[in-house]
Protein backbone atom coordinates (compact mmCIF):
# COMPACT_ATOMS: atom_id res chain seq x y z
CA UNK A 1 1.40 -9.97 5.20
CA UNK A 2 0.45 -7.47 2.49
CA UNK A 3 -1.55 -5.32 4.90
CA UNK A 4 1.29 -5.31 7.45
CA UNK A 5 3.90 -4.52 4.80
CA UNK A 6 1.97 -1.58 3.39
CA UNK A 7 1.51 -0.16 6.88
CA UNK A 8 5.16 -0.78 7.82
CA UNK A 9 6.59 0.89 4.71
CA UNK A 10 4.10 3.77 4.99
CA UNK A 11 5.08 4.46 8.59
CA UNK A 12 8.80 4.19 7.78
CA UNK A 13 8.30 6.96 5.24
CA UNK A 14 6.23 9.00 7.69
CA UNK A 15 3.22 9.12 5.35
CA UNK A 16 -0.38 9.31 6.51
CA UNK A 17 -2.89 7.01 4.89
CA UNK A 18 -4.30 9.99 3.02
CA UNK A 19 -0.84 11.00 1.79
CA UNK A 20 -0.04 7.51 0.53
CA UNK A 21 -3.39 7.12 -1.19
CA UNK A 22 -2.91 10.44 -2.98
CA UNK A 23 0.70 9.69 -3.90
CA UNK A 24 -0.27 6.24 -5.23
CA UNK A 25 -3.25 7.57 -7.15
CA UNK A 26 -5.74 5.33 -5.35
CA UNK A 27 -8.73 6.17 -3.21
CA UNK A 28 -8.39 6.55 0.54
CA UNK A 29 -11.02 3.83 1.04
CA UNK A 30 -9.03 1.40 -1.12
CA UNK A 31 -5.96 1.96 1.01
CA UNK A 32 -7.94 1.53 4.24
CA UNK A 33 -9.35 -1.78 2.96
CA UNK A 34 -5.86 -3.00 2.00
CA UNK A 35 -4.22 -1.99 5.28
CA UNK A 36 -7.01 -3.53 7.33
CA UNK A 37 -6.92 -6.77 5.36
CA UNK A 38 -10.51 -6.43 4.11
CA UNK A 39 -9.37 -6.38 0.48
CA UNK A 40 -7.28 -9.52 0.10
CA UNK A 41 -7.22 -9.52 -3.70
CA UNK A 42 -6.08 -6.13 -5.03
CA UNK A 43 -5.22 -5.67 -8.68
CA UNK A 44 -1.60 -5.81 -9.79
CA UNK A 45 -1.96 -2.22 -10.99
CA UNK A 46 -3.01 -1.07 -7.51
CA UNK A 47 -0.13 -2.93 -5.90
CA UNK A 48 2.33 -1.45 -8.38
CA UNK A 49 1.03 2.05 -7.71
CA UNK A 50 1.47 1.56 -3.96
CA UNK A 51 4.93 0.04 -4.37
CA UNK A 52 6.02 2.95 -6.58
CA UNK A 53 4.64 5.51 -4.11
CA UNK A 54 6.52 3.78 -1.28
CA UNK A 55 9.68 3.43 -3.40
CA UNK A 56 9.83 -0.35 -2.90
CA UNK A 57 9.68 -3.24 -5.33
CA UNK A 58 6.54 -5.28 -5.80
CA UNK A 59 8.46 -8.24 -4.34
CA UNK A 60 9.28 -6.28 -1.19
CA UNK A 61 5.66 -5.26 -0.81
CA UNK A 62 4.45 -8.85 -1.18
CA UNK A 63 7.13 -10.64 0.87
CA UNK A 64 6.02 -12.90 3.69
């Protein structure tokens, strides 16, 4: 669900993958791996950075 939630919130905010990666302070490749489900075990720090960039809580980002 994490991959789907990141993509859903990103699209709701009309952000490209590059925009979100830059806003979250993570690499583009990290974001691609998360959205595609390749990286299934991101760090809490990375998740928090994405949640902050998307203006959602960590719980919202992780919800099933």
